[in-house]
C-alpha cells in the first residue's frame, strides 16, 4: 500500500493505493476518511487496483480555502489523482456524499468510467424537507461545533448502533481533525447539488446500487426507483444495514463490489450494441 498526495488549487489531496488490476476508486462520504473502506479494500486489493482518497477537508487532505465548494470541485480534485496515476479507465463507487461526487465526475469525465456505483446514495437533489434538515444541522454545528454534531448524529446512521460502538468511536476519532467550517461547506455543497437522474438515463456504463433496508438518511426506495433508469444496472439491498453497510455488513458489501468489478472488467473497452 502506498500513501500519496496530489495538489489541486493549492491544497494537498491525500489518497492510498494498493493492488493491481482494474482501477476502482472508493469515495468516502460526509465526515468520513478513506479508512471507512478498510475492510473492503483488504479483500479487493488482491484482484483490483484500489484507490481510496480523503475528500478535501477530511483525513489527511487539506480543506478548500474558499467557503463555497461544489460537488464539481471535489470531482476535479479526484481527477488530479487519476491523472497522477496515469489511469485511462476506472470504476468509481461513492458512499453517500461520495456518490454525489461520483455523479459530478460522471458529468465531467464520462469517458473515464467503465462503471459507477452508489452506496447508500442518490441522484436526486435535496427536496425542500431535506434542505430544512440540512439547515438545522448547519445551525447546530455553528452553535455547538462539529464534534458535538457528529457524536449526536452518527449513531443514527446505523441500524443497530449498539452493535457497532467501536466502529462509531473510530469514525469519530478520524473525524476530529475536520474543521466545523468544512462540515458546513459539505452541507452547503449537498444542498446546492442538482438533480442528476438524467445522467443515469443517458449513461451506457453499468450502474450499481447498494442500499440499506433500514437506511433513514437515504431510503432504499430511492435506489429501487433509480435502478430502472440506466441501460445496465443492478441493485442489492443490505437487509441488516442502515446507512453504513460497509461496516454493518462488510463481507457482503465486499462480495457485491467484487462481482460488479468483475463484470466491469470484462466489459472494459467493449462497445455496447442496442
Protein backbone atom coordinates (compact mmCIF):
# COMPACT_ATOMS: atom_id res chain seq x y z
CA UNK A 1 0.00 0.00 0.00
CA UNK A 2 1.26 3.48 -0.88
CA UNK A 3 0.18 6.76 0.69
CA UNK A 4 0.36 9.64 -1.80
CA UNK A 5 -0.63 13.25 -2.39
CA UNK A 6 -1.60 15.41 -5.36
CA UNK A 7 -2.15 19.14 -5.47
CA UNK A 8 -5.35 20.81 -6.62
CA UNK A 9 -5.99 24.55 -6.36
CA UNK A 10 -3.15 24.90 -3.89
CA UNK A 11 -4.30 22.18 -1.48
CA UNK A 12 -2.92 18.70 -0.84
CA UNK A 13 -5.25 15.80 -1.59
CA UNK A 14 -4.31 12.53 0.07
CA UNK A 15 -5.05 9.03 -1.16
CA UNK A 16 -3.93 5.46 -0.67
CA UNK A 17 -3.42 2.96 -3.47
CA UNK A 18 -2.92 -0.77 -3.31
CA UNK A 19 -3.22 -3.84 -5.52
CA UNK A 20 -3.12 -4.31 -9.28
CA UNK A 21 -5.75 -4.76 -11.95
CA UNK A 22 -8.83 -2.77 -12.91
CA UNK A 23 -8.66 0.56 -11.03
CA UNK A 24 -11.52 1.24 -8.63
CA UNK A 25 -11.91 4.48 -6.68
CA UNK A 26 -13.82 4.17 -3.40
CA UNK A 27 -15.06 7.57 -2.26
CA UNK A 28 -15.97 8.16 1.40
CA UNK A 29 -19.00 10.12 2.48
CA UNK A 30 -19.69 13.10 4.71
CA UNK A 31 -17.16 13.47 7.56
CA UNK A 32 -15.54 10.15 6.68
CA UNK A 33 -11.94 9.39 5.79
CA UNK A 34 -10.71 6.82 3.32
CA UNK A 35 -10.37 4.40 6.27
CA UNK A 36 -14.12 3.77 6.05
CA UNK A 37 -13.38 1.32 3.21
CA UNK A 38 -10.65 -0.61 5.04
CA UNK A 39 -12.37 -3.99 5.14
CA UNK A 40 -13.46 -3.83 1.51
CA UNK A 41 -10.01 -2.68 0.42
CA UNK A 42 -8.33 -5.64 2.10
CA UNK A 43 -10.49 -8.02 0.08
CA UNK A 44 -10.50 -6.17 -3.25
CA UNK A 45 -6.78 -5.34 -3.45
CA UNK A 46 -5.89 -8.96 -4.27
CA UNK A 47 -7.52 -8.56 -7.69
CA UNK A 48 -8.01 -4.85 -8.32
CA UNK A 49 -6.12 -1.58 -8.01
CA UNK A 50 -7.93 0.10 -5.14
CA UNK A 51 -7.67 3.87 -4.70
CA UNK A 52 -9.15 5.42 -1.56
CA UNK A 53 -8.97 9.23 -1.40
CA UNK A 54 -9.57 11.56 1.50
CA UNK A 55 -12.06 14.17 0.29
CA UNK A 56 -10.65 17.73 0.61
CA UNK A 57 -11.06 18.79 4.21
CA UNK A 58 -11.18 15.23 5.65
CA UNK A 59 -8.48 12.85 6.77
CA UNK A 60 -5.05 13.90 5.54
CA UNK A 61 -6.40 16.13 2.75
CA UNK A 62 -6.32 19.91 3.12
CA UNK A 63 -9.56 21.84 3.06
CA UNK A 64 -10.57 24.22 0.30
CA UNK A 65 -9.77 27.75 1.36
CA UNK A 66 -12.90 29.21 -0.25
CA UNK A 67 -16.07 28.99 1.83
CA UNK A 68 -18.26 27.70 -1.01
CA UNK A 69 -17.46 24.44 -2.79
CA UNK A 70 -19.44 22.28 -5.18
CA UNK A 71 -19.52 18.60 -5.99
CA UNK A 72 -17.70 19.53 -9.20
CA UNK A 73 -14.82 20.93 -7.11
CA UNK A 74 -14.45 17.64 -5.27
CA UNK A 75 -14.69 15.68 -8.53
CA UNK A 76 -11.91 17.78 -10.07
CA UNK A 77 -9.74 17.04 -7.03
CA UNK A 78 -10.29 13.30 -7.57
CA UNK A 79 -9.43 13.70 -11.25
CA UNK A 80 -5.99 15.01 -10.24
CA UNK A 81 -5.37 11.62 -8.60
CA UNK A 82 -6.44 9.81 -11.75
CA UNK A 83 -4.12 11.96 -13.85
CA UNK A 84 -1.20 11.42 -11.46
CA UNK A 85 -1.65 7.64 -11.67
CA UNK A 86 -1.98 7.82 -15.48
CA UNK A 87 -5.26 5.89 -15.41
CA UNK A 88 -7.44 5.91 -18.53
CA UNK A 89 -10.43 3.83 -17.40
CA UNK A 90 -11.77 3.13 -13.93
CA UNK A 91 -14.79 2.26 -11.83
CA UNK A 92 -15.95 4.73 -9.19
CA UNK A 93 -18.01 3.83 -6.12
CA UNK A 94 -19.26 6.52 -3.74
CA UNK A 95 -20.76 6.26 -0.28
CA UNK A 96 -23.46 8.84 0.48
CA UNK A 97 -21.88 12.22 -0.32
CA UNK A 98 -19.20 10.27 -2.19
CA UNK A 99 -21.94 9.15 -4.56
CA UNK A 100 -22.78 12.80 -5.27
CA UNK A 101 -19.12 13.36 -6.13
CA UNK A 102 -19.15 10.29 -8.37
CA UNK A 103 -22.14 11.73 -10.25
CA UNK A 104 -20.29 15.01 -10.72
CA UNK A 105 -17.33 13.02 -12.00
CA UNK A 106 -19.60 11.19 -14.46
CA UNK A 107 -20.86 14.54 -15.74
CA UNK A 108 -17.35 15.95 -16.12
CA UNK A 109 -15.33 12.91 -17.23
CA UNK A 110 -17.77 10.36 -18.68
CA UNK A 111 -15.25 8.66 -20.96
CA UNK A 112 -13.07 7.72 -17.98
CA UNK A 113 -15.62 5.42 -16.36
CA UNK A 114 -16.36 1.79 -17.11
CA UNK A 115 -18.77 1.54 -14.20
CA UNK A 116 -20.21 3.59 -11.36
CA UNK A 117 -21.73 2.63 -8.02
CA UNK A 118 -23.90 4.34 -5.44
CA UNK A 119 -23.51 3.01 -1.91
CA UNK A 120 -26.37 4.44 0.18
CA UNK A 121 -26.54 7.39 -2.21
CA UNK A 122 -28.93 9.02 -4.67
CA UNK A 123 -29.01 11.05 -7.87
CA UNK A 124 -31.96 13.08 -6.60
CA UNK A 125 -31.39 16.66 -5.49
CA UNK A 126 -32.39 17.62 -1.97
CA UNK A 127 -36.11 18.30 -1.67
CA UNK A 128 -37.45 21.12 0.49
CA UNK A 129 -37.74 18.91 3.58
CA UNK A 130 -34.17 17.65 3.24
CA UNK A 131 -32.85 21.19 2.85
CA UNK A 132 -34.61 22.22 6.06
CA UNK A 133 -32.90 19.35 7.89
CA UNK A 134 -29.52 20.32 6.48
CA UNK A 135 -30.02 23.96 7.52
CA UNK A 136 -30.83 22.79 11.03
CA UNK A 137 -27.64 20.70 11.01
CA UNK A 138 -25.61 23.74 9.93
CA UNK A 139 -27.15 25.80 12.75
CA UNK A 140 -26.27 23.07 15.25
CA UNK A 141 -22.68 22.86 14.00
CA UNK A 142 -22.26 26.65 14.15
CA UNK A 143 -23.56 26.78 17.73
CA UNK A 144 -22.14 23.56 19.20
CA UNK A 145 -19.21 22.57 16.97
CA UNK A 146 -18.60 19.67 14.64
CA UNK A 147 -17.61 17.15 17.28
CA UNK A 148 -20.87 17.53 19.19
CA UNK A 149 -22.84 17.27 15.98
CA UNK A 150 -21.14 14.05 14.85
CA UNK A 151 -21.47 12.47 18.30
CA UNK A 152 -25.19 13.18 18.13
CA UNK A 153 -25.87 12.23 14.52
CA UNK A 154 -23.51 9.35 13.71
CA UNK A 155 -25.16 6.57 15.78
CA UNK A 156 -28.45 7.19 13.95
CA UNK A 157 -26.84 6.13 10.68
CA UNK A 158 -26.55 2.55 11.95
CA UNK A 159 -29.45 0.11 12.09
CA UNK A 160 -28.23 -1.26 15.42
CA UNK A 161 -25.70 1.26 16.76
CA UNK A 162 -25.15 -0.70 19.99
CA UNK A 163 -23.59 -3.46 17.87
CA UNK A 164 -21.05 -1.08 16.35
CA UNK A 165 -19.86 1.11 19.23
CA UNK A 166 -16.18 0.53 18.49
CA UNK A 167 -16.63 1.48 14.83
CA UNK A 168 -18.57 4.59 15.79
CA UNK A 169 -15.78 5.69 18.12
CA UNK A 170 -13.18 5.04 15.41
CA UNK A 171 -15.08 7.18 12.89
CA UNK A 172 -15.44 9.95 15.47
CA UNK A 173 -11.70 9.88 16.21
CA UNK A 174 -10.88 10.03 12.49
CA UNK A 175 -13.24 13.00 12.12
CA UNK A 176 -11.67 15.02 14.95
CA UNK A 177 -9.42 16.93 12.53
CA UNK A 178 -12.33 18.09 10.34
CA UNK A 179 -12.99 21.75 10.97
CA UNK A 180 -16.60 22.79 11.51
CA UNK A 181 -16.33 25.19 8.58
CA UNK A 182 -15.53 22.18 6.36
CA UNK A 183 -18.58 20.28 7.63
CA UNK A 184 -20.71 23.30 6.80
CA UNK A 185 -19.05 23.51 3.39
CA UNK A 186 -20.02 19.87 2.76
CA UNK A 187 -23.62 20.51 3.79
CA UNK A 188 -23.97 23.54 1.55
CA UNK A 189 -22.50 21.62 -1.38
CA UNK A 190 -25.01 18.83 -0.81
CA UNK A 191 -27.90 21.29 -0.58
CA UNK A 192 -26.88 23.03 -3.81
CA UNK A 193 -26.21 19.95 -5.93
CA UNK A 194 -28.52 19.47 -8.93
CA UNK A 195 -30.73 16.51 -9.73
CA UNK A 196 -28.62 14.22 -11.91
CA UNK A 197 -31.03 11.43 -12.75
CA UNK A 198 -30.68 12.40 -16.41
CA UNK A 199 -27.09 11.13 -16.27
CA UNK A 200 -28.37 7.70 -15.27
CA UNK A 201 -30.87 7.69 -18.12
CA UNK A 202 -28.20 8.52 -20.67
CA UNK A 203 -25.18 6.55 -19.49
CA UNK A 204 -24.19 3.31 -21.21
CA UNK A 205 -21.91 2.08 -18.42
CA UNK A 206 -23.16 -0.38 -15.79
CA UNK A 207 -24.54 1.17 -12.61
CA UNK A 208 -24.51 -0.44 -9.17
CA UNK A 209 -26.87 0.43 -6.33
CA UNK A 210 -26.29 -0.79 -2.79
CA UNK A 211 -28.98 0.25 -0.33
CA UNK A 212 -29.71 -0.38 3.33
CA UNK A 213 -33.14 -1.71 4.19
CA UNK A 214 -33.15 0.39 7.39
CA UNK A 215 -31.46 3.48 5.96
CA UNK A 216 -33.10 6.62 7.33
CA UNK A 217 -30.70 9.03 5.60
CA UNK A 218 -31.07 7.70 2.05
CA UNK A 219 -34.17 5.48 1.82
CA UNK A 220 -33.60 2.28 -0.13
CA UNK A 221 -36.66 3.16 -2.24
CA UNK A 222 -34.50 5.83 -3.93
CA UNK A 223 -32.18 3.11 -5.22
CA UNK A 224 -35.13 0.98 -6.33
CA UNK A 225 -36.65 3.89 -8.26
CA UNK A 226 -33.38 4.86 -9.90
CA UNK A 227 -32.26 1.34 -10.76
CA UNK A 228 -34.67 1.29 -13.73
CA UNK A 229 -33.10 4.38 -15.33
CA UNK A 230 -29.78 3.10 -16.77
CA UNK A 231 -29.38 0.63 -19.64
CA UNK A 232 -27.41 -1.68 -17.34
CA UNK A 233 -27.94 -1.71 -13.59
CA UNK A 234 -28.05 -3.98 -10.59
CA UNK A 235 -29.36 -3.35 -7.12
CA UNK A 236 -28.61 -5.02 -3.80
CA UNK A 237 -30.46 -4.42 -0.54
CA UNK A 238 -28.47 -5.00 2.64
CA UNK A 239 -31.15 -6.25 4.99
CA UNK A 240 -29.24 -5.75 8.25
CA UNK A 241 -27.94 -2.27 7.44
CA UNK A 242 -28.85 1.34 7.84
CA UNK A 243 -26.64 3.90 6.12
CA UNK A 244 -23.28 2.27 6.91
CA UNK A 245 -23.36 -1.06 5.10
CA UNK A 246 -19.59 -1.25 4.61
CA UNK A 247 -19.35 -1.57 8.39
CA UNK A 248 -22.68 -3.22 9.21
CA UNK A 249 -22.31 -5.94 6.54
CA UNK A 250 -18.67 -5.68 5.44
CA UNK A 251 -18.24 -9.10 3.81
CA UNK A 252 -21.48 -8.92 1.84
CA UNK A 253 -20.55 -5.41 0.71
CA UNK A 254 -17.14 -6.56 -0.50
CA UNK A 255 -18.63 -9.52 -2.34
CA UNK A 256 -21.15 -7.28 -4.15
CA UNK A 257 -18.40 -4.86 -5.14
CA UNK A 258 -16.12 -7.66 -6.31
CA UNK A 259 -18.79 -9.18 -8.52
CA UNK A 260 -19.65 -5.81 -10.03
CA UNK A 261 -15.98 -5.07 -10.71
CA UNK A 262 -15.58 -8.45 -12.39
CA UNK A 263 -18.34 -7.53 -14.80
CA UNK A 264 -16.93 -4.05 -15.39
CA UNK A 265 -13.51 -5.54 -16.11
CA UNK A 266 -14.96 -7.88 -18.75
CA UNK A 267 -16.84 -5.01 -20.37
CA UNK A 268 -13.94 -2.56 -20.28
CA UNK A 269 -13.06 -1.45 -23.79
CA UNK A 270 -16.03 -3.20 -25.35
CA UNK A 271 -18.70 -1.45 -27.38
CA UNK A 272 -22.31 -1.86 -26.39
CA UNK A 273 -24.88 -2.77 -29.03
CA UNK A 274 -28.57 -1.96 -28.56
